[in-house]
Amino acid sequence: MARAYGSRAQLALAFETTYGTAPASGYTFLPFAGTTLSSEQPLIENELLGYGRDPLAPIRDAVTVDGDITIGVDAIGIGFWLKALFGGPATTTGSGPYTHTFHSGGTTLPSLAIETQMPEVPRFEMVAGARANTLRIEATRRGQLQATVGLIAQGLTGAGSSAAGTPAAIALQRFGHFNCAITRDSVALGNTVSAELTYSNGLEAVETIRADGLIDGVDPTIAGLRGRLVTRFADTTLLAQATSGGTCELQFAWTIAGGPSLTWTIHRVHLPVPRRTIPGPQGIQAEFDWQASLAASPARMCTVVLVNDQAAY
């Protein structure tokens, strides 16, 4: 009897033409580090009386399909997730390298079909009607650079063979933490210990009454972008901004020398006034849980620019 192992699992993704309908082709194998994306249908305890002390059979509740996918931040694959998060980019033409520019605030988001493949069992699970709700990236000095994508989907079907046809493969070229640069108003932000950013589409599941127990769709509400800066307390630049109530532009950039780059520009960032503590003899740090808002120029919250050899997404 074969057993499923994560080392043999694969993930194939395609963008849907019709929401909730997985396409028959056009899939791409994307690298991932782990996933919790799956379906769940809990049981409701039967409350009826009159049959003695032993309980009656439980009732099945509605179906929920959601979860996270942990990915490595690579030059090609991250573009598929950015398209799911923001919508299609504006892409330069001609010969490569190509520049893909994504903007926040789009009103139309694409939906995805994602197949998780476990060939040993065999078990192939196709999630349809998936939309990207959140994407979180953390910048540190050590370790692997990863991102977590949170998704909400409509349904999942399992089969003994793949429904993704013959997915395309991508060339893997990962960004690392050592590639990262953080700037504030175009000036390098020194003494940064760690940083993180989380973009959210504020997705709302449309939970209408249906015979199959599935949701009707997933609609975007107010987007959000927030994060954290942890700095060694060496100057009062950020503290002065937080105290005055001013704003700044933050930029997170990952660049491979002579190659691809990924740049998040958050155009209007608000800083809170943080609590300042002295925990002991070690270095003193300040933590700023920042939030972003709509800027005047450009009239959006953030811009993400990806430069790579992929001609289109």
C-alpha atoms as a PDB file:
ATOM      1  CA  MET A   1       0.000   0.000   0.000  1.00  0.00           C
ATOM      2  CA  ALA A   2       1.471   3.347  -1.085  1.00  0.00           C
ATOM      3  CA  ARG A   3       1.676   6.227   1.360  1.00  0.00           C
ATOM      4  CA  ALA A   4       1.547   9.902   0.452  1.00  0.00           C
ATOM      5  CA  TYR A   5       4.625  12.020   1.182  1.00  0.00           C
ATOM      6  CA  GLY A   6       5.034  15.767   0.906  1.00  0.00           C
ATOM      7  CA  SER A   7       8.310  15.218  -0.914  1.00  0.00           C
ATOM      8  CA  ARG A   8       6.345  13.820  -3.872  1.00  0.00           C
ATOM      9  CA  ALA A   9       3.460  16.287  -3.760  1.00  0.00           C
ATOM     10  CA  GLN A  10       3.019  18.863  -6.523  1.00  0.00           C
ATOM     11  CA  LEU A  11       0.855  21.925  -6.956  1.00  0.00           C
ATOM     12  CA  ALA A  12      -0.574  23.016 -10.317  1.00  0.00           C
ATOM     13  CA  LEU A  13      -2.325  26.356 -10.835  1.00  0.00           C
ATOM     14  CA  ALA A  14      -4.386  27.929 -13.617  1.00  0.00           C
ATOM     15  CA  PHE A  15      -6.551  31.034 -13.871  1.00  0.00           C
ATOM     16  CA  GLU A  16     -10.241  30.384 -14.484  1.00  0.00           C
ATOM     17  CA  THR A  17     -12.317  31.835 -17.298  1.00  0.00           C
ATOM     18  CA  THR A  18     -15.583  31.125 -15.463  1.00  0.00           C
ATOM     19  CA  TYR A  19     -15.662  31.369 -11.684  1.00  0.00           C
ATOM     20  CA  GLY A  20     -15.773  27.962 -10.051  1.00  0.00           C
ATOM     21  CA  THR A  21     -15.032  26.046 -13.272  1.00  0.00           C
ATOM     22  CA  ALA A  22     -11.558  24.539 -13.401  1.00  0.00           C
ATOM     23  CA  PRO A  23     -10.058  24.814 -16.902  1.00  0.00           C
ATOM     24  CA  ALA A  24      -8.955  21.651 -18.699  1.00  0.00           C
ATOM     25  CA  SER A  25      -5.510  23.037 -19.573  1.00  0.00           C
ATOM     26  CA  GLY A  26      -3.182  25.979 -19.052  1.00  0.00           C
ATOM     27  CA  TYR A  27      -1.782  24.864 -15.686  1.00  0.00           C
ATOM     28  CA  THR A  28       1.667  25.608 -14.315  1.00  0.00           C
ATOM     29  CA  PHE A  29       3.571  23.662 -11.672  1.00  0.00           C
ATOM     30  CA  LEU A  30       4.519  26.093  -8.897  1.00  0.00           C
ATOM     31  CA  PRO A  31       6.964  25.391  -6.065  1.00  0.00           C
ATOM     32  CA  PHE A  32       5.584  25.474  -2.530  1.00  0.00           C
ATOM     33  CA  ALA A  33       6.785  24.670   0.982  1.00  0.00           C
ATOM     34  CA  GLY A  34       3.475  23.561   2.497  1.00  0.00           C
ATOM     35  CA  THR A  35      -0.279  24.015   2.245  1.00  0.00           C
ATOM     36  CA  THR A  36      -3.402  23.855   4.379  1.00  0.00           C
ATOM     37  CA  LEU A  37      -5.742  24.611   1.457  1.00  0.00           C
ATOM     38  CA  SER A  38      -8.502  22.023   1.634  1.00  0.00           C
ATOM     39  CA  SER A  39     -12.216  21.522   2.232  1.00  0.00           C
ATOM     40  CA  GLU A  40     -13.988  20.912   5.506  1.00  0.00           C
ATOM     41  CA  GLN A  41     -17.550  19.876   6.313  1.00  0.00           C
ATOM     42  CA  PRO A  42     -18.094  19.602  10.059  1.00  0.00           C
ATOM     43  CA  LEU A  43     -20.796  17.630  11.806  1.00  0.00           C
ATOM     44  CA  ILE A  44     -23.522  19.285  13.906  1.00  0.00           C
ATOM     45  CA  GLU A  45     -24.590  17.471  17.018  1.00  0.00           C
ATOM     46  CA  ASN A  46     -28.229  16.336  16.885  1.00  0.00           C
ATOM     47  CA  GLU A  47     -30.258  18.243  19.490  1.00  0.00           C
ATOM     48  CA  LEU A  48     -33.509  16.252  19.278  1.00  0.00           C
ATOM     49  CA  LEU A  49     -34.860  14.404  22.306  1.00  0.00           C
ATOM     50  CA  GLY A  50     -37.231  11.508  22.811  1.00  0.00           C
ATOM     51  CA  TYR A  51     -35.047   8.537  21.838  1.00  0.00           C
ATOM     52  CA  GLY A  52     -33.288   7.885  25.129  1.00  0.00           C
ATOM     53  CA  ARG A  53     -29.862   8.982  26.324  1.00  0.00           C
ATOM     54  CA  ASP A  54     -27.878   7.824  23.285  1.00  0.00           C
ATOM     55  CA  PRO A  55     -27.552  10.600  20.667  1.00  0.00           C
ATOM     56  CA  LEU A  56     -29.165  10.590  17.269  1.00  0.00           C
ATOM     57  CA  ALA A  57     -27.065  10.777  14.108  1.00  0.00           C
ATOM     58  CA  PRO A  58     -25.331  14.148  13.543  1.00  0.00           C
ATOM     59  CA  ILE A  59     -26.171  16.493  10.662  1.00  0.00           C
ATOM     60  CA  ARG A  60     -23.597  17.651   8.108  1.00  0.00           C
ATOM     61  CA  ASP A  61     -22.919  21.413   8.060  1.00  0.00           C
ATOM     62  CA  ALA A  62     -21.979  23.671   5.135  1.00  0.00           C
ATOM     63  CA  VAL A  63     -18.757  23.118   3.163  1.00  0.00           C
ATOM     64  CA  THR A  64     -15.794  25.444   3.793  1.00  0.00           C
ATOM     65  CA  VAL A  65     -12.846  25.561   1.395  1.00  0.00           C
ATOM     66  CA  ASP A  66      -9.933  27.763   2.426  1.00  0.00           C
ATOM     67  CA  GLY A  67      -6.389  27.687   3.740  1.00  0.00           C
ATOM     68  CA  ASP A  68      -2.844  28.947   3.277  1.00  0.00           C
ATOM     69  CA  ILE A  69      -0.076  28.063   0.856  1.00  0.00           C
ATOM     70  CA  THR A  70       3.502  28.734   1.948  1.00  0.00           C
ATOM     71  CA  ILE A  71       5.718  29.573  -0.997  1.00  0.00           C
ATOM     72  CA  GLY A  72       9.326  30.463  -1.611  1.00  0.00           C
ATOM     73  CA  VAL A  73       9.663  33.956  -3.068  1.00  0.00           C
ATOM     74  CA  ASP A  74      11.092  33.244  -6.514  1.00  0.00           C
ATOM     75  CA  ALA A  75      11.480  35.350  -9.623  1.00  0.00           C
ATOM     76  CA  ILE A  76       8.848  33.645 -11.826  1.00  0.00           C
ATOM     77  CA  GLY A  77       6.380  31.912  -9.511  1.00  0.00           C
ATOM     78  CA  ILE A  78       5.663  34.961  -7.344  1.00  0.00           C
ATOM     79  CA  GLY A  79       4.137  36.673 -10.393  1.00  0.00           C
ATOM     80  CA  PHE A  80       1.252  34.177 -10.504  1.00  0.00           C
ATOM     81  CA  TRP A  81       0.416  34.900  -6.865  1.00  0.00           C
ATOM     82  CA  LEU A  82       0.705  38.664  -7.377  1.00  0.00           C
ATOM     83  CA  LYS A  83      -1.742  38.415 -10.284  1.00  0.00           C
ATOM     84  CA  ALA A  84      -4.149  36.511  -8.041  1.00  0.00           C
ATOM     85  CA  LEU A  85      -3.754  39.179  -5.346  1.00  0.00           C
ATOM     86  CA  PHE A  86      -3.950  42.342  -7.466  1.00  0.00           C
ATOM     87  CA  GLY A  87      -5.225  41.355 -10.906  1.00  0.00           C
ATOM     88  CA  GLY A  88      -3.276  41.305 -14.153  1.00  0.00           C
ATOM     89  CA  PRO A  89      -0.157  43.501 -14.382  1.00  0.00           C
ATOM     90  CA  ALA A  90       0.932  46.048 -16.939  1.00  0.00           C
ATOM     91  CA  THR A  91       3.836  44.323 -18.705  1.00  0.00           C
ATOM     92  CA  THR A  92       6.486  45.780 -20.962  1.00  0.00           C
ATOM     93  CA  THR A  93       6.753  44.434 -24.506  1.00  0.00           C
ATOM     94  CA  GLY A  94       9.699  43.473 -26.687  1.00  0.00           C
ATOM     95  CA  SER A  95      12.522  41.237 -25.559  1.00  0.00           C
ATOM     96  CA  GLY A  96      13.243  40.426 -21.919  1.00  0.00           C
ATOM     97  CA  PRO A  97      13.810  41.113 -19.165  1.00  0.00           C
ATOM     98  CA  TYR A  98      10.174  42.103 -18.682  1.00  0.00           C
ATOM     99  CA  THR A  99       8.754  44.519 -16.117  1.00  0.00           C
ATOM    100  CA  HIS A 100       5.393  43.574 -14.587  1.00  0.00           C
ATOM    101  CA  THR A 101       3.692  46.346 -12.614  1.00  0.00           C
ATOM    102  CA  PHE A 102       0.852  45.514 -10.208  1.00  0.00           C
ATOM    103  CA  HIS A 103      -1.391  48.127  -8.575  1.00  0.00           C
ATOM    104  CA  SER A 104      -3.508  47.909  -5.441  1.00  0.00           C
ATOM    105  CA  GLY A 105      -7.179  48.871  -5.483  1.00  0.00           C
ATOM    106  CA  GLY A 106      -8.343  46.851  -8.507  1.00  0.00           C
ATOM    107  CA  THR A 107     -12.063  46.060  -8.504  1.00  0.00           C
ATOM    108  CA  THR A 108     -11.830  42.767 -10.417  1.00  0.00           C
ATOM    109  CA  LEU A 109      -9.786  39.874  -9.097  1.00  0.00           C
ATOM    110  CA  PRO A 110      -9.143  36.647 -11.042  1.00  0.00           C
ATOM    111  CA  SER A 111     -10.109  33.257  -9.668  1.00  0.00           C
ATOM    112  CA  LEU A 112      -7.888  30.211  -9.617  1.00  0.00           C
ATOM    113  CA  ALA A 113      -8.064  26.476  -9.993  1.00  0.00           C
ATOM    114  CA  ILE A 114      -5.406  24.762  -7.871  1.00  0.00           C
ATOM    115  CA  GLU A 115      -4.716  21.043  -7.981  1.00  0.00           C
ATOM    116  CA  THR A 116      -2.753  19.360  -5.200  1.00  0.00           C
ATOM    117  CA  GLN A 117      -1.256  16.136  -6.493  1.00  0.00           C
ATOM    118  CA  MET A 118      -0.380  13.143  -4.300  1.00  0.00           C
ATOM    119  CA  PRO A 119       0.480  10.461  -6.883  1.00  0.00           C
ATOM    120  CA  GLU A 120       1.265   7.590  -4.480  1.00  0.00           C
ATOM    121  CA  VAL A 121      -2.291   7.096  -3.202  1.00  0.00           C
ATOM    122  CA  PRO A 122      -3.221   8.291  -5.901  1.00  0.00           C
ATOM    123  CA  ARG A 123      -5.182  11.390  -4.869  1.00  0.00           C
ATOM    124  CA  PHE A 124      -5.596  14.555  -6.921  1.00  0.00           C
ATOM    125  CA  GLU A 125      -7.584  17.350  -5.261  1.00  0.00           C
ATOM    126  CA  MET A 126      -8.824  20.179  -7.481  1.00  0.00           C
ATOM    127  CA  VAL A 127      -9.856  23.372  -5.711  1.00  0.00           C
ATOM    128  CA  ALA A 128     -11.971  25.634  -7.905  1.00  0.00           C
ATOM    129  CA  GLY A 129     -13.146  29.209  -7.453  1.00  0.00           C
ATOM    130  CA  ALA A 130     -10.134  30.222  -5.323  1.00  0.00           C
ATOM    131  CA  ARG A 131      -9.291  33.856  -4.746  1.00  0.00           C
ATOM    132  CA  ALA A 132      -6.244  35.250  -2.959  1.00  0.00           C
ATOM    133  CA  ASN A 133      -7.224  37.041   0.216  1.00  0.00           C
ATOM    134  CA  THR A 134      -3.865  37.771   1.843  1.00  0.00           C
ATOM    135  CA  LEU A 135      -0.149  37.675   1.166  1.00  0.00           C
ATOM    136  CA  ARG A 136       2.406  38.015   3.961  1.00  0.00           C
ATOM    137  CA  ILE A 137       6.166  38.432   3.601  1.00  0.00           C
ATOM    138  CA  GLU A 138       8.659  38.730   6.428  1.00  0.00           C
ATOM    139  CA  ALA A 139      12.156  40.160   6.037  1.00  0.00           C
ATOM    140  CA  THR A 140      14.833  38.978   8.447  1.00  0.00           C
ATOM    141  CA  ARG A 141      18.607  38.586   8.379  1.00  0.00           C
ATOM    142  CA  ARG A 142      18.688  34.779   8.274  1.00  0.00           C
ATOM    143  CA  GLY A 143      16.702  31.844   6.955  1.00  0.00           C
ATOM    144  CA  GLN A 144      14.618  31.210   3.856  1.00  0.00           C
ATOM    145  CA  LEU A 145      12.620  34.010   2.280  1.00  0.00           C
ATOM    146  CA  GLN A 146       9.049  32.759   2.155  1.00  0.00           C
ATOM    147  CA  ALA A 147       5.562  34.201   1.709  1.00  0.00           C
ATOM    148  CA  THR A 148       2.197  32.925   2.885  1.00  0.00           C
ATOM    149  CA  VAL A 149      -0.820  33.224   0.592  1.00  0.00           C
ATOM    150  CA  GLY A 150      -4.273  32.946   2.181  1.00  0.00           C
ATOM    151  CA  LEU A 151      -7.084  31.766  -0.116  1.00  0.00           C
ATOM    152  CA  ILE A 152     -10.867  31.347   0.001  1.00  0.00           C
ATOM    153  CA  ALA A 153     -12.390  28.969  -2.555  1.00  0.00           C
ATOM    154  CA  GLN A 154     -15.734  27.573  -3.612  1.00  0.00           C
ATOM    155  CA  GLY A 155     -15.297  23.822  -3.866  1.00  0.00           C
ATOM    156  CA  LEU A 156     -12.989  20.839  -3.942  1.00  0.00           C
ATOM    157  CA  THR A 157     -13.234  17.611  -5.912  1.00  0.00           C
ATOM    158  CA  GLY A 158     -10.990  14.591  -5.497  1.00  0.00           C
ATOM    159  CA  ALA A 159     -10.057  12.043  -8.152  1.00  0.00           C
ATOM    160  CA  GLY A 160      -7.665   9.204  -8.810  1.00  0.00           C
ATOM    161  CA  SER A 161      -6.047  10.967 -11.770  1.00  0.00           C
ATOM    162  CA  SER A 162      -5.057  14.507 -12.592  1.00  0.00           C
ATOM    163  CA  ALA A 163      -7.500  16.974 -14.175  1.00  0.00           C
ATOM    164  CA  ALA A 164      -4.752  19.512 -14.901  1.00  0.00           C
ATOM    165  CA  GLY A 165      -3.549  18.083 -18.210  1.00  0.00           C
ATOM    166  CA  THR A 166       0.180  18.591 -18.711  1.00  0.00           C
ATOM    167  CA  PRO A 167       1.256  21.559 -16.578  1.00  0.00           C
ATOM    168  CA  ALA A 168       4.149  23.737 -17.650  1.00  0.00           C
ATOM    169  CA  ALA A 169       7.266  24.008 -15.503  1.00  0.00           C
ATOM    170  CA  ILE A 170       9.075  27.197 -14.518  1.00  0.00           C
ATOM    171  CA  ALA A 171      12.747  27.918 -13.965  1.00  0.00           C
ATOM    172  CA  LEU A 172      13.375  28.414 -10.250  1.00  0.00           C
ATOM    173  CA  GLN A 173      15.432  31.405  -9.145  1.00  0.00           C
ATOM    174  CA  ARG A 174      14.829  32.374  -5.527  1.00  0.00           C
ATOM    175  CA  PHE A 175      15.263  35.683  -3.779  1.00  0.00           C
ATOM    176  CA  GLY A 176      17.013  35.576  -0.401  1.00  0.00           C
ATOM    177  CA  HIS A 177      16.906  37.700   2.718  1.00  0.00           C
ATOM    178  CA  PHE A 178      20.397  38.956   1.898  1.00  0.00           C
ATOM    179  CA  ASN A 179      18.937  40.484  -1.311  1.00  0.00           C
ATOM    180  CA  CYS A 180      16.631  42.806   0.669  1.00  0.00           C
ATOM    181  CA  ALA A 181      16.861  46.586   0.947  1.00  0.00           C
ATOM    182  CA  ILE A 182      14.404  48.754   2.899  1.00  0.00           C
ATOM    183  CA  THR A 183      14.150  52.481   2.250  1.00  0.00           C
ATOM    184  CA  ARG A 184      12.088  55.289   3.759  1.00  0.00           C
ATOM    185  CA  ASP A 185      11.425  58.212   1.442  1.00  0.00           C
ATOM    186  CA  SER A 186      14.202  56.876  -0.840  1.00  0.00           C
ATOM    187  CA  VAL A 187      16.761  56.796   2.001  1.00  0.00           C
ATOM    188  CA  ALA A 188      18.065  53.492   3.354  1.00  0.00           C
ATOM    189  CA  LEU A 189      16.361  52.652   6.630  1.00  0.00           C
ATOM    190  CA  GLY A 190      19.201  51.708   8.943  1.00  0.00           C
ATOM    191  CA  ASN A 191      19.144  49.642  12.140  1.00  0.00           C
ATOM    192  CA  THR A 192      16.233  47.488  10.930  1.00  0.00           C
ATOM    193  CA  VAL A 193      16.221  44.131  12.723  1.00  0.00           C
ATOM    194  CA  SER A 194      13.182  42.642  10.983  1.00  0.00           C
ATOM    195  CA  ALA A 195      10.187  43.740   8.971  1.00  0.00           C
ATOM    196  CA  GLU A 196       6.985  42.278   7.639  1.00  0.00           C
ATOM    197  CA  LEU A 197       4.135  43.302   5.399  1.00  0.00           C
ATOM    198  CA  THR A 198       0.687  41.815   4.888  1.00  0.00           C
ATOM    199  CA  TYR A 199      -1.635  42.768   2.046  1.00  0.00           C
ATOM    200  CA  SER A 200      -5.305  41.854   2.384  1.00  0.00           C
ATOM    201  CA  ASN A 201      -8.138  41.977  -0.137  1.00  0.00           C
ATOM    202  CA  GLY A 202     -10.748  41.813   2.626  1.00  0.00           C
ATOM    203  CA  LEU A 203     -12.538  38.991   0.817  1.00  0.00           C
ATOM    204  CA  GLU A 204     -16.084  38.124   1.835  1.00  0.00           C
ATOM    205  CA  ALA A 205     -17.582  34.712   1.103  1.00  0.00           C
ATOM    206  CA  VAL A 206     -21.076  34.949  -0.399  1.00  0.00           C
ATOM    207  CA  GLU A 207     -22.909  32.371   1.709  1.00  0.00           C
ATOM    208  CA  THR A 208     -26.197  31.896  -0.103  1.00  0.00           C
ATOM    209  CA  ILE A 209     -28.494  28.880   0.318  1.00  0.00           C
ATOM    210  CA  ARG A 210     -27.588  26.185  -2.215  1.00  0.00           C
ATOM    211  CA  ALA A 211     -28.374  22.506  -2.538  1.00  0.00           C
ATOM    212  CA  ASP A 212     -24.665  21.622  -2.738  1.00  0.00           C
ATOM    213  CA  GLY A 213     -23.684  23.559   0.398  1.00  0.00           C
ATOM    214  CA  LEU A 214     -21.097  25.676  -1.451  1.00  0.00           C
ATOM    215  CA  ILE A 215     -20.665  29.448  -1.410  1.00  0.00           C
ATOM    216  CA  ASP A 216     -21.840  31.505  -4.379  1.00  0.00           C
ATOM    217  CA  GLY A 217     -18.608  33.447  -4.736  1.00  0.00           C
ATOM    218  CA  VAL A 218     -15.922  35.515  -3.025  1.00  0.00           C
ATOM    219  CA  ASP A 219     -16.127  39.305  -3.266  1.00  0.00           C
ATOM    220  CA  PRO A 220     -13.430  41.867  -2.396  1.00  0.00           C
ATOM    221  CA  THR A 221     -14.232  44.595   0.144  1.00  0.00           C
ATOM    222  CA  ILE A 222     -11.813  47.206   1.528  1.00  0.00           C
ATOM    223  CA  ALA A 223      -8.184  46.273   0.924  1.00  0.00           C
ATOM    224  CA  GLY A 224      -5.574  46.696   3.613  1.00  0.00           C
ATOM    225  CA  LEU A 225      -1.811  46.811   3.893  1.00  0.00           C
ATOM    226  CA  ARG A 226      -0.039  46.762   7.210  1.00  0.00           C
ATOM    227  CA  GLY A 227       3.116  45.440   8.749  1.00  0.00           C
ATOM    228  CA  ARG A 228       5.782  45.808  11.385  1.00  0.00           C
ATOM    229  CA  LEU A 229       9.204  47.390  11.597  1.00  0.00           C
ATOM    230  CA  VAL A 230      11.509  46.257  14.403  1.00  0.00           C
ATOM    231  CA  THR A 231      14.511  48.579  14.725  1.00  0.00           C
ATOM    232  CA  ARG A 232      17.413  49.084  17.084  1.00  0.00           C
ATOM    233  CA  PHE A 233      16.752  52.337  18.900  1.00  0.00           C
ATOM    234  CA  ALA A 234      19.607  54.393  17.430  1.00  0.00           C
ATOM    235  CA  ASP A 235      17.842  57.593  16.321  1.00  0.00           C
ATOM    236  CA  THR A 236      14.438  59.285  16.562  1.00  0.00           C
ATOM    237  CA  THR A 237      13.544  59.472  12.846  1.00  0.00           C
ATOM    238  CA  LEU A 238      10.626  57.026  12.993  1.00  0.00           C
ATOM    239  CA  LEU A 239       9.590  58.139  16.469  1.00  0.00           C
ATOM    240  CA  ALA A 240       9.438  61.772  15.330  1.00  0.00           C
ATOM    241  CA  GLN A 241       7.199  60.833  12.397  1.00  0.00           C
ATOM    242  CA  ALA A 242       4.936  58.776  14.635  1.00  0.00           C
ATOM    243  CA  THR A 243       4.669  61.585  17.186  1.00  0.00           C
ATOM    244  CA  SER A 244       3.910  64.253  14.570  1.00  0.00           C
ATOM    245  CA  GLY A 245       1.342  62.107  12.765  1.00  0.00           C
ATOM    246  CA  GLY A 246       3.187  62.446   9.461  1.00  0.00           C
ATOM    247  CA  THR A 247       3.465  59.859   6.694  1.00  0.00           C
ATOM    248  CA  CYS A 248       6.274  58.407   4.614  1.00  0.00           C
ATOM    249  CA  GLU A 249       6.886  56.096   1.680  1.00  0.00           C
ATOM    250  CA  LEU A 250       8.330  52.690   2.473  1.00  0.00           C
ATOM    251  CA  GLN A 251       9.970  50.457  -0.101  1.00  0.00           C
ATOM    252  CA  PHE A 252      10.933  46.803   0.245  1.00  0.00           C
ATOM    253  CA  ALA A 253      13.165  45.570  -2.570  1.00  0.00           C
ATOM    254  CA  TRP A 254      14.715  42.179  -3.281  1.00  0.00           C
ATOM    255  CA  THR A 255      17.262  42.105  -6.103  1.00  0.00           C
ATOM    256  CA  ILE A 256      19.498  39.411  -7.504  1.00  0.00           C
ATOM    257  CA  ALA A 257      22.624  41.036  -8.884  1.00  0.00           C
ATOM    258  CA  GLY A 258      22.328  41.429 -12.639  1.00  0.00           C
ATOM    259  CA  GLY A 259      19.000  39.624 -12.665  1.00  0.00           C
ATOM    260  CA  PRO A 260      15.405  39.701 -11.405  1.00  0.00           C
ATOM    261  CA  SER A 261      13.994  42.074  -8.824  1.00  0.00           C
ATOM    262  CA  LEU A 262      10.846  42.423  -6.717  1.00  0.00           C
ATOM    263  CA  THR A 263       9.936  45.831  -5.321  1.00  0.00           C
ATOM    264  CA  TRP A 264       7.032  46.732  -3.040  1.00  0.00           C
ATOM    265  CA  THR A 265       6.446  50.483  -2.760  1.00  0.00           C
ATOM    266  CA  ILE A 266       3.936  51.529  -0.091  1.00  0.00           C
ATOM    267  CA  HIS A 267       3.163  55.120  -0.948  1.00  0.00           C
ATOM    268  CA  ARG A 268       1.583  56.417   2.277  1.00  0.00           C
ATOM    269  CA  VAL A 269       2.579  54.816   5.577  1.00  0.00           C
ATOM    270  CA  HIS A 270       1.313  55.806   9.018  1.00  0.00           C
ATOM    271  CA  LEU A 271       3.332  54.953  12.126  1.00  0.00           C
ATOM    272  CA  PRO A 272       1.928  54.528  15.658  1.00  0.00           C
ATOM    273  CA  VAL A 273       3.670  55.863  18.720  1.00  0.00           C
ATOM    274  CA  PRO A 274       5.199  52.690  20.175  1.00  0.00           C
ATOM    275  CA  ARG A 275       5.775  51.688  23.751  1.00  0.00           C
ATOM    276  CA  ARG A 276       9.450  52.050  24.629  1.00  0.00           C
ATOM    277  CA  THR A 277      10.801  49.545  27.110  1.00  0.00           C
ATOM    278  CA  ILE A 278      14.197  48.594  28.516  1.00  0.00           C
ATOM    279  CA  PRO A 279      14.022  44.822  29.042  1.00  0.00           C
ATOM    280  CA  GLY A 280      17.550  44.424  30.369  1.00  0.00           C
ATOM    281  CA  PRO A 281      21.174  45.047  29.467  1.00  0.00           C
ATOM    282  CA  GLN A 282      20.752  44.068  25.816  1.00  0.00           C
ATOM    283  CA  GLY A 283      20.185  46.489  22.960  1.00  0.00           C
ATOM    284  CA  ILE A 284      16.973  48.526  23.068  1.00  0.00           C
ATOM    285  CA  GLN A 285      14.530  48.005  20.186  1.00  0.00           C
ATOM    286  CA  ALA A 286      11.465  49.883  18.953  1.00  0.00           C
ATOM    287  CA  GLU A 287       8.552  48.195  17.178  1.00  0.00           C
ATOM    288  CA  PHE A 288       6.291  50.104  14.804  1.00  0.00           C
ATOM    289  CA  ASP A 289       3.061  48.407  13.659  1.00  0.00           C
ATOM    290  CA  TRP A 290       2.483  50.516  10.574  1.00  0.00           C
ATOM    291  CA  GLN A 291      -0.583  50.884   8.369  1.00  0.00           C
ATOM    292  CA  ALA A 292      -0.916  52.121   4.782  1.00  0.00           C
ATOM    293  CA  SER A 293      -3.630  54.210   3.170  1.00  0.00           C
ATOM    294  CA  LEU A 294      -4.576  55.721  -0.191  1.00  0.00           C
ATOM    295  CA  ALA A 295      -1.959  58.193  -1.378  1.00  0.00           C
ATOM    296  CA  ALA A 296      -2.606  61.342  -3.378  1.00  0.00           C
ATOM    297  CA  SER A 297       0.096  60.757  -5.979  1.00  0.00           C
ATOM    298  CA  PRO A 298       0.051  58.108  -7.228  1.00  0.00           C
ATOM    299  CA  ALA A 299      -3.598  57.607  -6.283  1.00  0.00           C
ATOM    300  CA  ARG A 300      -3.199  54.148  -4.795  1.00  0.00           C
ATOM    301  CA  MET A 301      -1.932  52.435  -1.699  1.00  0.00           C
ATOM    302  CA  CYS A 302       0.944  50.423  -3.162  1.00  0.00           C
ATOM    303  CA  THR A 303       2.754  49.430  -6.336  1.00  0.00           C
ATOM    304  CA  VAL A 304       4.576  46.134  -6.847  1.00  0.00           C
ATOM    305  CA  VAL A 305       7.119  45.814  -9.656  1.00  0.00           C
ATOM    306  CA  LEU A 306       8.492  42.428 -10.690  1.00  0.00           C
ATOM    307  CA  VAL A 307      11.330  42.193 -13.211  1.00  0.00           C
ATOM    308  CA  ASN A 308      12.062  38.758 -14.683  1.00  0.00           C
ATOM    309  CA  ASP A 309      12.249  36.731 -17.905  1.00  0.00           C
ATOM    310  CA  GLN A 310       8.551  35.777 -17.972  1.00  0.00           C
ATOM    311  CA  ALA A 311       6.886  37.436 -20.974  1.00  0.00           C
ATOM    312  CA  ALA A 312       3.329  37.462 -19.587  1.00  0.00           C
ATOM    313  CA  TYR A 313       1.094  36.293 -16.756  1.00  0.00           C
END
